[in-house]
Protein backbone atom coordinates (compact mmCIF):
# COMPACT_ATOMS: atom_id res chain seq x y z
CA MET A 1 1.24 -33.65 -24.41
CA GLU A 2 0.99 -31.55 -21.25
CA ARG A 3 -2.30 -29.78 -20.80
CA PHE A 4 -2.38 -25.98 -20.34
CA SER A 5 -3.38 -24.73 -16.90
CA LEU A 6 -4.19 -21.37 -15.34
CA HIS A 7 -3.37 -20.15 -11.86
CA CYS A 8 -6.21 -18.60 -9.89
CA GLY A 9 -5.87 -15.74 -7.44
CA VAL A 10 -8.48 -14.35 -5.07
CA ASN A 11 -8.43 -10.77 -3.82
CA LEU A 12 -10.45 -8.62 -1.45
CA LEU A 13 -11.51 -5.03 -2.02
CA LEU A 14 -12.31 -4.21 1.61
CA PHE A 15 -14.15 -0.91 1.94
CA HIS A 16 -14.95 1.30 4.90
CA LYS A 17 -17.17 4.14 3.69
CA GLN A 18 -15.25 5.59 0.69
CA ASP A 19 -11.87 4.14 1.71
CA ILE A 20 -10.17 0.90 0.69
CA LEU A 21 -7.72 -1.13 2.77
CA LEU A 22 -4.27 -1.56 1.22
CA LEU A 23 -1.26 -3.48 2.53
CA LEU A 24 2.36 -2.46 1.88
CA ARG A 25 4.11 -5.54 0.48
CA ASN A 26 7.54 -6.58 1.74
CA ASN A 27 9.75 -9.67 1.32
CA THR A 28 7.23 -11.47 -0.89
CA GLY A 29 9.32 -11.54 -4.06
CA PHE A 30 6.50 -9.87 -6.02
CA ALA A 31 5.67 -6.14 -6.07
CA ASP A 32 7.58 -5.47 -2.85
CA GLY A 33 7.38 -1.82 -1.77
CA MET A 34 3.97 -1.46 -3.38
CA PHE A 35 0.50 -1.35 -1.90
CA GLY A 36 -1.79 -4.27 -2.70
CA VAL A 37 -4.96 -5.82 -1.36
CA VAL A 38 -5.60 -8.88 0.75
CA GLY A 39 -5.37 -11.97 -1.40
CA GLY A 40 -3.69 -15.17 -2.36
CA HIS A 41 -4.05 -18.38 -4.31
CA LEU A 42 -6.42 -21.28 -4.21
CA ASP A 43 -4.78 -24.21 -2.47
CA GLY A 44 -6.85 -26.78 -4.34
CA GLY A 45 -9.93 -28.48 -2.97
CA GLU A 46 -11.43 -25.14 -1.89
CA SER A 47 -13.84 -22.73 -3.51
CA ALA A 48 -12.78 -19.20 -4.42
CA THR A 49 -14.78 -17.67 -1.57
CA SER A 50 -13.39 -20.22 0.92
CA ALA A 51 -9.86 -19.37 -0.22
CA LEU A 52 -10.52 -15.64 0.18
CA ILE A 53 -12.05 -16.12 3.63
CA ARG A 54 -8.95 -18.13 4.65
CA GLU A 55 -6.52 -15.55 3.20
CA THR A 56 -8.38 -12.68 4.90
CA GLN A 57 -8.19 -14.39 8.29
CA GLU A 58 -4.50 -15.27 7.77
CA GLU A 59 -3.46 -11.80 6.61
CA ILE A 60 -5.56 -9.29 8.57
CA ASN A 61 -7.29 -11.27 11.31
CA ILE A 62 -10.90 -10.54 10.35
CA GLN A 63 -13.75 -12.83 9.39
CA VAL A 64 -15.84 -12.29 6.29
CA GLN A 65 -18.89 -14.32 5.35
CA PRO A 66 -19.49 -15.82 1.89
CA GLN A 67 -22.85 -14.06 1.52
CA ASP A 68 -21.12 -10.69 2.06
CA LEU A 69 -18.56 -11.21 -0.74
CA LYS A 70 -19.58 -9.84 -4.12
CA LEU A 71 -17.52 -10.72 -7.21
CA VAL A 72 -16.89 -7.35 -8.87
CA VAL A 73 -13.94 -7.75 -11.28
CA THR A 74 -12.42 -10.74 -13.09
CA VAL A 75 -8.96 -10.37 -14.61
CA HIS A 76 -7.18 -12.52 -17.19
CA ARG A 77 -3.56 -11.68 -16.51
CA MET A 78 -0.37 -12.61 -18.35
CA LEU A 79 2.93 -12.77 -16.48
CA ASP A 80 6.30 -13.71 -17.93
CA HIS A 81 6.07 -17.25 -16.55
CA CYS A 82 2.32 -18.03 -16.43
CA GLU A 83 -1.28 -16.89 -16.87
CA TYR A 84 -3.72 -16.05 -14.09
CA ILE A 85 -7.40 -15.62 -13.57
CA ASP A 86 -7.78 -13.15 -10.69
CA LEU A 87 -11.12 -12.82 -8.93
CA PHE A 88 -11.71 -9.58 -7.04
CA PHE A 89 -14.45 -9.64 -4.43
CA LYS A 90 -15.80 -6.62 -2.55
CA THR A 91 -17.20 -6.29 0.93
CA ASP A 92 -17.71 -3.60 3.55
CA THR A 93 -18.86 -6.07 6.20
CA TRP A 94 -16.60 -8.02 8.55
CA GLU A 95 -16.21 -9.22 12.11
CA GLY A 96 -13.17 -8.92 14.33
CA GLU A 97 -10.40 -6.41 14.75
CA LEU A 98 -7.99 -5.63 11.94
CA ARG A 99 -4.44 -6.74 12.68
CA ASN A 100 -1.44 -7.33 10.44
CA ASN A 101 -0.90 -11.06 10.97
CA GLU A 102 1.88 -11.32 8.38
CA LEU A 103 4.50 -8.78 9.40
CA HIS A 104 7.05 -10.73 7.36
CA LYS A 105 5.01 -10.01 4.18
CA HIS A 106 3.35 -6.65 4.89
CA LEU A 107 5.04 -3.70 6.56
CA HIS A 108 1.67 -2.21 7.47
CA TYR A 109 -1.87 -1.61 6.26
CA ALA A 110 -3.76 1.65 5.83
CA TRP A 111 -7.07 3.01 4.56
CA PHE A 112 -6.93 5.18 1.44
CA PRO A 113 -9.63 7.07 -0.47
CA ALA A 114 -10.66 4.77 -3.33
CA TYR A 115 -10.33 7.66 -5.79
CA ASP A 116 -6.89 8.74 -4.52
CA LEU A 117 -4.57 5.73 -4.26
CA PRO A 118 -0.90 6.10 -3.32
CA LYS A 119 1.56 6.35 -6.23
CA ASN A 120 3.13 3.03 -5.24
CA THR A 121 -0.08 1.03 -5.63
CA MET A 122 0.38 -2.16 -7.66
CA PRO A 123 -0.64 -1.44 -11.28
CA LEU A 124 -3.04 -4.40 -11.29
CA VAL A 125 -4.83 -3.12 -8.17
CA TYR A 126 -4.93 0.41 -9.59
CA HIS A 127 -6.55 -0.80 -12.84
CA VAL A 128 -8.94 -3.18 -11.10
CA LEU A 129 -10.18 -0.48 -8.75
CA GLY A 130 -10.60 1.91 -11.67
CA ASN A 131 -12.63 -0.71 -13.52
CA TYR A 132 -14.77 -1.39 -10.47
CA LEU A 133 -15.45 2.30 -9.82
CA SER A 134 -16.37 2.73 -13.51
CA GLY A 135 -18.77 -0.22 -13.43
CA MET A 136 -16.60 -2.49 -15.61
CA ASN A 137 -16.26 -6.07 -14.38
CA TYR A 138 -13.65 -7.62 -16.71
CA LEU A 139 -10.03 -6.70 -17.42
CA GLU A 140 -7.21 -8.21 -19.45
CA PHE A 141 -3.84 -7.23 -18.02
CA GLY A 142 -0.24 -7.82 -19.06
CA TRP A 143 -0.91 -8.93 -22.62
CA ASP A 144 0.79 -5.98 -24.30
CA ASN A 145 3.36 -3.57 -22.87
CA GLU A 146 1.82 -3.62 -19.39
CA ARG A 147 4.24 -6.23 -18.03
């Protein structure tokens, strides 16, 4: 009998004052045309913070340090084809200059007020940020009619 497994995603809520950095997705095959946050998947053999540090460098060219990453929201998410645990970390501290390193996946990035996200923000990101701003650190997503 095959054992059940979960996928694990890591995501960055990068803040500058009251604004959050969002990237406009393109040609990814998932939520294209919507704003999301920096993130990706664990490759195996790496911790969640190591994966997020790698993804941040790959996507937007900045360096974040493990001690500056604070886990703020955990999501148990159901998709049509699999289940995920998504870990959302927050920081407002980084080194380097922001640059879109993945033009083939992100049309551009922009800062938005955390309380006034664009209409085309990914629903997951919208709900996670709402939870974070309300002081809630756990969310189940996609289990009912949210898919």
